N, C-alpha and C. Protein backbone atom coordinates (compact mmCIF):
# COMPACT_ATOMS: atom_id res chain seq x y z
N UNK A 1 -56.16 -1.13 18.67
CA UNK A 1 -55.64 -1.44 17.35
C UNK A 1 -55.05 -0.17 16.75
N UNK A 2 -53.80 -0.31 16.21
CA UNK A 2 -53.13 0.84 15.64
C UNK A 2 -53.50 0.98 14.18
N UNK A 3 -53.45 2.18 13.74
CA UNK A 3 -53.75 2.44 12.34
C UNK A 3 -52.52 2.09 11.49
N UNK A 4 -52.69 1.83 10.22
CA UNK A 4 -51.54 1.51 9.36
C UNK A 4 -50.54 2.66 9.31
N UNK A 5 -51.02 3.88 9.50
CA UNK A 5 -50.12 5.04 9.46
C UNK A 5 -49.18 5.02 10.66
N UNK A 6 -49.66 4.62 11.82
CA UNK A 6 -48.83 4.58 13.03
C UNK A 6 -47.77 3.49 12.91
N UNK A 7 -48.12 2.34 12.32
CA UNK A 7 -47.15 1.27 12.12
C UNK A 7 -46.03 1.71 11.18
N UNK A 8 -46.35 2.44 10.17
CA UNK A 8 -45.35 2.94 9.22
C UNK A 8 -44.40 3.92 9.89
N UNK A 9 -44.92 4.75 10.78
CA UNK A 9 -44.08 5.72 11.48
C UNK A 9 -43.13 5.00 12.44
N UNK A 10 -43.63 3.95 13.11
CA UNK A 10 -42.77 3.17 14.00
C UNK A 10 -41.65 2.48 13.22
N UNK A 11 -41.98 1.94 12.05
CA UNK A 11 -40.97 1.30 11.23
C UNK A 11 -39.90 2.29 10.79
N UNK A 12 -40.32 3.48 10.42
CA UNK A 12 -39.37 4.51 9.99
C UNK A 12 -38.47 4.91 11.16
N UNK A 13 -39.05 5.02 12.35
CA UNK A 13 -38.26 5.36 13.53
C UNK A 13 -37.24 4.27 13.85
N UNK A 14 -37.66 3.02 13.74
CA UNK A 14 -36.73 1.91 14.01
C UNK A 14 -35.59 1.87 12.98
N UNK A 15 -35.94 2.09 11.73
CA UNK A 15 -34.92 2.10 10.68
C UNK A 15 -33.95 3.27 10.92
N UNK A 16 -34.50 4.41 11.31
CA UNK A 16 -33.67 5.58 11.59
C UNK A 16 -32.73 5.32 12.76
N UNK A 17 -33.23 4.66 13.80
CA UNK A 17 -32.39 4.32 14.96
C UNK A 17 -31.27 3.35 14.56
N UNK A 18 -31.63 2.35 13.75
CA UNK A 18 -30.62 1.39 13.29
C UNK A 18 -29.53 2.08 12.47
N UNK A 19 -29.94 3.00 11.61
CA UNK A 19 -28.97 3.71 10.80
C UNK A 19 -28.05 4.59 11.66
N UNK A 20 -28.60 5.21 12.68
CA UNK A 20 -27.79 6.03 13.59
C UNK A 20 -26.79 5.18 14.35
N UNK A 21 -27.23 4.00 14.81
CA UNK A 21 -26.30 3.10 15.52
C UNK A 21 -25.19 2.64 14.60
N UNK A 22 -25.53 2.31 13.35
CA UNK A 22 -24.53 1.86 12.40
C UNK A 22 -23.55 2.99 12.06
N UNK A 23 -24.07 4.20 11.96
CA UNK A 23 -23.22 5.35 11.68
C UNK A 23 -22.23 5.58 12.82
N UNK A 24 -22.69 5.45 14.06
CA UNK A 24 -21.81 5.62 15.21
C UNK A 24 -20.78 4.50 15.29
N UNK A 25 -21.19 3.29 14.98
CA UNK A 25 -20.23 2.19 15.03
C UNK A 25 -19.20 2.32 13.91
N UNK A 26 -19.60 2.85 12.74
CA UNK A 26 -18.66 3.04 11.65
C UNK A 26 -17.62 4.11 11.98
N UNK A 27 -17.99 5.07 12.78
CA UNK A 27 -17.04 6.11 13.17
C UNK A 27 -15.96 5.55 14.06
N UNK A 28 -16.24 4.48 14.78
CA UNK A 28 -15.26 3.90 15.69
C UNK A 28 -14.43 2.81 15.02
N UNK A 29 -14.53 2.67 13.70
CA UNK A 29 -13.78 1.65 12.98
C UNK A 29 -12.31 2.00 12.89
N UNK A 30 -11.50 1.00 12.61
CA UNK A 30 -10.07 1.23 12.42
C UNK A 30 -9.84 1.84 11.03
N UNK A 31 -8.60 2.24 10.77
CA UNK A 31 -8.29 2.97 9.53
C UNK A 31 -8.61 2.15 8.29
N UNK A 32 -8.33 0.87 8.29
CA UNK A 32 -8.55 0.07 7.09
C UNK A 32 -10.02 -0.23 6.84
N UNK A 33 -10.89 0.04 7.80
CA UNK A 33 -12.32 -0.23 7.60
C UNK A 33 -13.13 1.03 7.26
N UNK A 34 -12.49 2.18 7.30
CA UNK A 34 -13.19 3.43 6.96
C UNK A 34 -13.31 3.52 5.44
N UNK A 35 -14.44 4.06 4.97
CA UNK A 35 -14.60 4.19 3.53
C UNK A 35 -13.70 5.30 2.97
N UNK A 36 -13.55 5.34 1.67
CA UNK A 36 -12.57 6.21 1.03
C UNK A 36 -12.87 7.69 1.26
N UNK A 37 -14.12 8.08 1.24
CA UNK A 37 -14.46 9.50 1.42
C UNK A 37 -14.08 9.99 2.80
N UNK A 38 -14.29 9.16 3.81
CA UNK A 38 -13.89 9.55 5.17
C UNK A 38 -12.36 9.63 5.26
N UNK A 39 -11.67 8.73 4.59
CA UNK A 39 -10.20 8.78 4.59
C UNK A 39 -9.71 10.08 3.95
N UNK A 40 -10.34 10.49 2.86
CA UNK A 40 -9.95 11.73 2.19
C UNK A 40 -10.15 12.92 3.13
N UNK A 41 -11.28 12.96 3.81
CA UNK A 41 -11.54 14.07 4.75
C UNK A 41 -10.51 14.10 5.87
N UNK A 42 -10.22 12.95 6.42
CA UNK A 42 -9.27 12.90 7.54
C UNK A 42 -7.85 13.21 7.07
N UNK A 43 -7.49 12.78 5.89
CA UNK A 43 -6.16 13.11 5.35
C UNK A 43 -6.04 14.60 5.02
N UNK A 44 -7.13 15.21 4.53
CA UNK A 44 -7.10 16.64 4.28
C UNK A 44 -6.95 17.44 5.57
N UNK A 45 -7.64 17.00 6.63
CA UNK A 45 -7.49 17.66 7.92
C UNK A 45 -6.07 17.50 8.44
N UNK A 46 -5.48 16.32 8.24
CA UNK A 46 -4.10 16.10 8.67
C UNK A 46 -3.14 16.96 7.84
N UNK A 47 -3.41 17.12 6.55
CA UNK A 47 -2.56 17.94 5.69
C UNK A 47 -2.57 19.40 6.16
N UNK A 48 -3.75 19.91 6.54
CA UNK A 48 -3.84 21.27 7.07
C UNK A 48 -3.04 21.41 8.36
N UNK A 49 -3.20 20.44 9.25
CA UNK A 49 -2.48 20.49 10.53
C UNK A 49 -0.97 20.34 10.32
N UNK A 50 -0.58 19.45 9.43
CA UNK A 50 0.84 19.24 9.13
C UNK A 50 1.45 20.50 8.52
N UNK A 51 0.71 21.16 7.65
CA UNK A 51 1.20 22.39 7.02
C UNK A 51 1.39 23.51 8.03
N UNK A 52 0.46 23.64 8.98
CA UNK A 52 0.60 24.67 10.02
C UNK A 52 1.79 24.37 10.92
N UNK A 53 1.96 23.10 11.30
CA UNK A 53 3.05 22.74 12.22
C UNK A 53 4.42 22.92 11.58
N UNK A 54 4.53 22.67 10.28
CA UNK A 54 5.83 22.72 9.61
C UNK A 54 6.03 23.99 8.79
N UNK A 55 5.10 24.92 8.84
CA UNK A 55 5.25 26.19 8.16
C UNK A 55 5.26 26.08 6.64
N UNK A 56 4.39 25.26 6.09
CA UNK A 56 4.31 25.09 4.64
C UNK A 56 3.41 26.14 4.02
N UNK A 57 3.65 26.46 2.77
CA UNK A 57 2.81 27.43 2.07
C UNK A 57 1.49 26.77 1.67
N UNK A 58 0.55 27.59 1.24
CA UNK A 58 -0.76 27.07 0.83
C UNK A 58 -0.62 26.17 -0.39
N UNK A 59 0.27 26.53 -1.30
CA UNK A 59 0.49 25.71 -2.49
C UNK A 59 1.05 24.34 -2.11
N UNK A 60 1.95 24.29 -1.14
CA UNK A 60 2.51 23.01 -0.71
C UNK A 60 1.47 22.16 0.02
N UNK A 61 0.58 22.79 0.76
CA UNK A 61 -0.50 22.05 1.42
C UNK A 61 -1.44 21.45 0.37
N UNK A 62 -1.71 22.22 -0.69
CA UNK A 62 -2.54 21.69 -1.78
C UNK A 62 -1.86 20.51 -2.46
N UNK A 63 -0.55 20.62 -2.66
CA UNK A 63 0.17 19.50 -3.29
C UNK A 63 0.19 18.28 -2.36
N UNK A 64 0.24 18.51 -1.04
CA UNK A 64 0.17 17.41 -0.09
C UNK A 64 -1.18 16.71 -0.15
N UNK A 65 -2.25 17.49 -0.26
CA UNK A 65 -3.58 16.90 -0.39
C UNK A 65 -3.71 16.09 -1.67
N UNK A 66 -3.17 16.61 -2.77
CA UNK A 66 -3.20 15.87 -4.03
C UNK A 66 -2.36 14.60 -3.92
N UNK A 67 -1.23 14.69 -3.22
CA UNK A 67 -0.38 13.53 -3.01
C UNK A 67 -1.12 12.46 -2.21
N UNK A 68 -1.84 12.87 -1.16
CA UNK A 68 -2.62 11.92 -0.37
C UNK A 68 -3.70 11.25 -1.21
N UNK A 69 -4.36 12.02 -2.06
CA UNK A 69 -5.40 11.46 -2.91
C UNK A 69 -4.80 10.43 -3.88
N UNK A 70 -3.65 10.75 -4.43
CA UNK A 70 -2.96 9.81 -5.32
C UNK A 70 -2.56 8.54 -4.56
N UNK A 71 -2.09 8.71 -3.34
CA UNK A 71 -1.69 7.54 -2.53
C UNK A 71 -2.90 6.66 -2.21
N UNK A 72 -4.04 7.26 -1.96
CA UNK A 72 -5.24 6.46 -1.71
C UNK A 72 -5.67 5.71 -2.97
N UNK A 73 -5.56 6.36 -4.12
CA UNK A 73 -5.94 5.71 -5.37
C UNK A 73 -5.02 4.53 -5.68
N UNK A 74 -3.76 4.66 -5.35
CA UNK A 74 -2.81 3.57 -5.60
C UNK A 74 -2.69 2.65 -4.40
N UNK A 75 -3.52 2.84 -3.40
CA UNK A 75 -3.62 2.02 -2.18
C UNK A 75 -2.29 1.91 -1.43
N UNK A 76 -1.57 3.04 -1.32
CA UNK A 76 -0.35 3.06 -0.52
C UNK A 76 -0.64 3.47 0.92
N UNK A 77 -1.83 3.95 1.20
CA UNK A 77 -2.21 4.33 2.56
C UNK A 77 -3.42 3.52 3.02
N UNK A 78 -3.49 2.27 2.63
CA UNK A 78 -4.67 1.48 2.96
C UNK A 78 -4.50 0.63 4.20
N UNK A 79 -3.26 0.33 4.59
CA UNK A 79 -3.03 -0.54 5.73
C UNK A 79 -3.05 0.26 7.03
N UNK A 80 -3.34 -0.44 8.10
CA UNK A 80 -3.39 0.21 9.41
C UNK A 80 -2.01 0.65 9.88
N UNK A 81 -0.97 -0.05 9.45
CA UNK A 81 0.37 0.34 9.88
C UNK A 81 0.90 1.53 9.10
N UNK A 82 0.29 1.89 7.97
CA UNK A 82 0.72 3.05 7.20
C UNK A 82 0.30 4.35 7.86
N UNK A 83 -0.78 4.31 8.63
CA UNK A 83 -1.34 5.52 9.23
C UNK A 83 -1.57 5.26 10.72
N UNK A 84 -1.09 6.18 11.55
CA UNK A 84 -1.38 6.09 12.99
C UNK A 84 -2.67 6.88 13.21
N UNK A 85 -3.74 6.13 13.46
CA UNK A 85 -5.09 6.69 13.54
C UNK A 85 -5.65 6.44 14.92
N UNK A 86 -6.15 7.51 15.56
CA UNK A 86 -6.75 7.39 16.89
C UNK A 86 -8.25 7.20 16.70
N UNK A 87 -8.75 6.06 17.14
CA UNK A 87 -10.17 5.74 16.95
C UNK A 87 -11.09 6.57 17.83
N UNK A 88 -10.63 6.94 19.02
CA UNK A 88 -11.49 7.70 19.93
C UNK A 88 -11.71 9.12 19.42
N UNK A 89 -10.62 9.78 19.04
CA UNK A 89 -10.77 11.16 18.54
C UNK A 89 -11.06 11.21 17.06
N UNK A 90 -10.95 10.07 16.38
CA UNK A 90 -11.23 9.93 14.96
C UNK A 90 -10.39 10.89 14.12
N UNK A 91 -9.10 10.96 14.43
CA UNK A 91 -8.20 11.78 13.64
C UNK A 91 -6.87 11.06 13.45
N UNK A 92 -6.16 11.49 12.44
CA UNK A 92 -4.85 10.90 12.15
C UNK A 92 -3.82 11.56 13.04
N UNK A 93 -3.06 10.76 13.75
CA UNK A 93 -2.02 11.28 14.63
C UNK A 93 -0.72 11.50 13.87
N UNK A 94 -0.35 10.55 13.01
CA UNK A 94 0.91 10.65 12.31
C UNK A 94 0.94 9.72 11.11
N UNK A 95 1.76 10.07 10.13
CA UNK A 95 2.09 9.21 9.01
C UNK A 95 3.59 8.97 9.07
N UNK A 96 4.01 7.84 9.62
CA UNK A 96 5.44 7.63 9.84
C UNK A 96 6.27 7.59 8.56
N UNK A 97 5.69 7.22 7.46
CA UNK A 97 6.45 7.10 6.23
C UNK A 97 6.48 8.38 5.40
N UNK A 98 5.78 9.43 5.82
CA UNK A 98 5.72 10.67 5.06
C UNK A 98 7.02 11.45 5.23
N UNK A 99 7.61 11.83 4.09
CA UNK A 99 8.86 12.59 4.09
C UNK A 99 8.69 13.81 3.19
N UNK A 100 9.12 14.98 3.69
CA UNK A 100 9.11 16.21 2.89
C UNK A 100 10.54 16.53 2.51
N UNK A 101 10.80 16.64 1.21
CA UNK A 101 12.13 16.98 0.73
C UNK A 101 12.24 18.51 0.63
N UNK A 102 13.03 19.14 1.48
CA UNK A 102 13.08 20.61 1.49
C UNK A 102 13.71 21.20 0.23
N UNK A 103 14.63 20.49 -0.41
CA UNK A 103 15.27 21.02 -1.62
C UNK A 103 14.32 20.94 -2.81
N UNK A 104 13.69 19.78 -2.98
CA UNK A 104 12.79 19.58 -4.11
C UNK A 104 11.38 20.09 -3.82
N UNK A 105 11.08 20.33 -2.56
CA UNK A 105 9.77 20.81 -2.11
C UNK A 105 8.64 19.87 -2.53
N UNK A 106 8.86 18.56 -2.34
CA UNK A 106 7.79 17.59 -2.63
C UNK A 106 7.74 16.54 -1.53
N UNK A 107 6.72 15.71 -1.59
CA UNK A 107 6.46 14.70 -0.57
C UNK A 107 6.66 13.30 -1.15
N UNK A 108 7.13 12.40 -0.30
CA UNK A 108 7.23 10.99 -0.68
C UNK A 108 6.88 10.12 0.52
N UNK A 109 6.64 8.86 0.24
CA UNK A 109 6.40 7.87 1.28
C UNK A 109 7.57 6.90 1.27
N UNK A 110 8.26 6.78 2.38
CA UNK A 110 9.35 5.84 2.50
C UNK A 110 8.81 4.43 2.71
N UNK A 111 9.56 3.46 2.29
CA UNK A 111 9.19 2.06 2.55
C UNK A 111 9.74 1.71 3.92
N UNK A 112 8.87 1.30 4.81
CA UNK A 112 9.28 1.01 6.17
C UNK A 112 9.44 -0.48 6.44
N UNK A 113 9.13 -1.32 5.47
CA UNK A 113 9.23 -2.76 5.67
C UNK A 113 10.69 -3.18 5.63
N UNK A 114 11.25 -3.50 6.77
CA UNK A 114 12.62 -3.96 6.85
C UNK A 114 12.68 -5.45 6.57
N UNK A 115 11.59 -6.13 6.69
CA UNK A 115 11.55 -7.58 6.59
C UNK A 115 11.49 -8.08 5.15
N UNK A 116 11.63 -7.21 4.17
CA UNK A 116 11.58 -7.67 2.79
C UNK A 116 12.78 -8.55 2.49
N UNK A 117 12.54 -9.68 1.89
CA UNK A 117 13.58 -10.64 1.58
C UNK A 117 13.81 -10.62 0.08
N UNK A 118 15.05 -10.68 -0.30
CA UNK A 118 15.38 -10.71 -1.71
C UNK A 118 14.81 -11.97 -2.36
N UNK A 119 14.35 -11.83 -3.59
CA UNK A 119 13.77 -13.00 -4.26
C UNK A 119 14.84 -14.01 -4.62
N UNK A 120 16.07 -13.57 -4.74
CA UNK A 120 17.15 -14.52 -5.04
C UNK A 120 17.39 -15.47 -3.89
N UNK A 121 17.18 -14.99 -2.66
CA UNK A 121 17.37 -15.85 -1.50
C UNK A 121 16.28 -16.91 -1.41
N UNK A 122 15.15 -16.66 -2.00
CA UNK A 122 14.04 -17.60 -1.93
C UNK A 122 14.15 -18.69 -2.99
N UNK A 123 15.02 -18.49 -3.98
CA UNK A 123 15.15 -19.48 -5.03
C UNK A 123 15.98 -20.66 -4.56
N UNK A 124 15.82 -21.76 -5.24
CA UNK A 124 16.60 -22.96 -4.90
C UNK A 124 18.06 -22.72 -5.29
N UNK A 125 18.99 -23.32 -4.56
CA UNK A 125 20.41 -23.13 -4.90
C UNK A 125 20.74 -23.81 -6.22
N UNK A 126 21.77 -23.30 -6.88
CA UNK A 126 22.18 -23.89 -8.15
C UNK A 126 22.80 -25.26 -7.92
N UNK A 127 22.61 -26.12 -8.88
CA UNK A 127 23.18 -27.45 -8.79
C UNK A 127 24.56 -27.44 -9.40
N UNK A 128 25.52 -28.00 -8.70
CA UNK A 128 26.88 -28.04 -9.20
C UNK A 128 27.05 -29.11 -10.26
N UNK A 129 26.23 -30.13 -10.24
CA UNK A 129 26.33 -31.21 -11.21
C UNK A 129 26.08 -30.70 -12.62
N UNK A 130 25.11 -29.85 -12.78
CA UNK A 130 24.77 -29.37 -14.12
C UNK A 130 25.91 -28.57 -14.71
N UNK A 131 26.64 -27.81 -13.89
CA UNK A 131 27.78 -27.06 -14.39
C UNK A 131 28.89 -28.02 -14.82
N UNK A 132 29.14 -29.06 -14.03
CA UNK A 132 30.18 -30.02 -14.36
C UNK A 132 29.80 -30.82 -15.61
N UNK A 133 28.51 -31.19 -15.72
CA UNK A 133 28.04 -31.92 -16.88
C UNK A 133 28.16 -31.06 -18.12
N UNK A 134 27.86 -29.77 -18.00
CA UNK A 134 27.97 -28.86 -19.13
C UNK A 134 29.39 -28.74 -19.61
N UNK A 135 30.35 -28.74 -18.69
CA UNK A 135 31.76 -28.65 -19.06
C UNK A 135 32.21 -29.92 -19.76
N UNK A 136 31.78 -31.09 -19.28
CA UNK A 136 32.18 -32.34 -19.92
C UNK A 136 31.54 -32.48 -21.29
N UNK A 137 30.30 -31.99 -21.45
CA UNK A 137 29.64 -32.04 -22.75
C UNK A 137 30.38 -31.16 -23.74
N UNK A 138 30.84 -30.01 -23.29
CA UNK A 138 31.57 -29.12 -24.17
C UNK A 138 32.87 -29.77 -24.62
N UNK A 139 33.56 -30.48 -23.72
CA UNK A 139 34.79 -31.19 -24.08
C UNK A 139 34.51 -32.29 -25.09
N UNK A 140 33.39 -33.01 -24.90
CA UNK A 140 33.03 -34.10 -25.81
C UNK A 140 32.75 -33.58 -27.21
N UNK A 141 32.03 -32.47 -27.30
CA UNK A 141 31.72 -31.91 -28.62
C UNK A 141 32.97 -31.39 -29.28
N UNK A 142 33.92 -30.85 -28.50
CA UNK A 142 35.17 -30.36 -29.07
C UNK A 142 35.98 -31.53 -29.63
N UNK A 143 36.01 -32.65 -28.95
CA UNK A 143 36.76 -33.81 -29.45
C UNK A 143 36.08 -34.40 -30.67
N UNK A 144 34.75 -34.35 -30.73
CA UNK A 144 34.04 -34.88 -31.88
C UNK A 144 34.34 -34.05 -33.12
N UNK A 145 34.40 -32.73 -32.95
CA UNK A 145 34.67 -31.87 -34.10
C UNK A 145 36.09 -32.07 -34.60
N UNK A 146 37.04 -32.27 -33.71
CA UNK A 146 38.42 -32.53 -34.16
C UNK A 146 38.51 -33.88 -34.85
N UNK A 147 37.72 -34.85 -34.41
CA UNK A 147 37.73 -36.16 -35.04
C UNK A 147 37.16 -36.07 -36.44
N UNK A 148 36.09 -35.29 -36.62
CA UNK A 148 35.50 -35.14 -37.94
C UNK A 148 36.42 -34.34 -38.85
N UNK A 149 37.15 -33.39 -38.32
CA UNK A 149 38.09 -32.63 -39.12
C UNK A 149 39.24 -33.53 -39.58
N UNK A 150 39.62 -34.42 -38.71
CA UNK A 150 40.72 -35.30 -39.04
C UNK A 150 40.32 -36.26 -40.16
N UNK A 151 39.05 -36.68 -40.16
CA UNK A 151 38.62 -37.61 -41.20
C UNK A 151 38.44 -36.88 -42.52
N UNK A 152 38.11 -35.62 -42.49
CA UNK A 152 37.91 -34.86 -43.71
C UNK A 152 39.24 -34.53 -44.39
N UNK A 153 40.26 -34.40 -43.63
CA UNK A 153 41.54 -34.01 -44.20
C UNK A 153 42.20 -35.14 -44.92
N UNK A 154 41.78 -36.36 -44.73
CA UNK A 154 42.37 -37.50 -45.41
C UNK A 154 42.00 -37.48 -46.81
């Protein structure tokens, strides 16, 4: 028979093992399933690497990190297609929409969705009858006003 103290230690060990397994499985998640703090860390690491590769100053790297934080807050980097993320190495490979403007020295995200359809194309076509009816109504009202003017002049 085990003592109550030994049972408590076994329970703690099992809970600890479960938490470790969950932590390892969370690390292998896709970009859209990672929590915000992990995204910030990975984006900051990418900003450092991007700055070294492109010869950016420390101030520009800081502005890139602030830009990434703003993009996360406005959920512009939340989709899996916005970020090329390698699950095995757990690092960001590329941000295809990231653009650095050398003249203005700032960063922007381009819209990559080519499939956007104009809202005007989605609307129903105009009816030609209503235009013709409107024109005939205008003619009728014009004739009525001339008829009333003619009666007043008598």
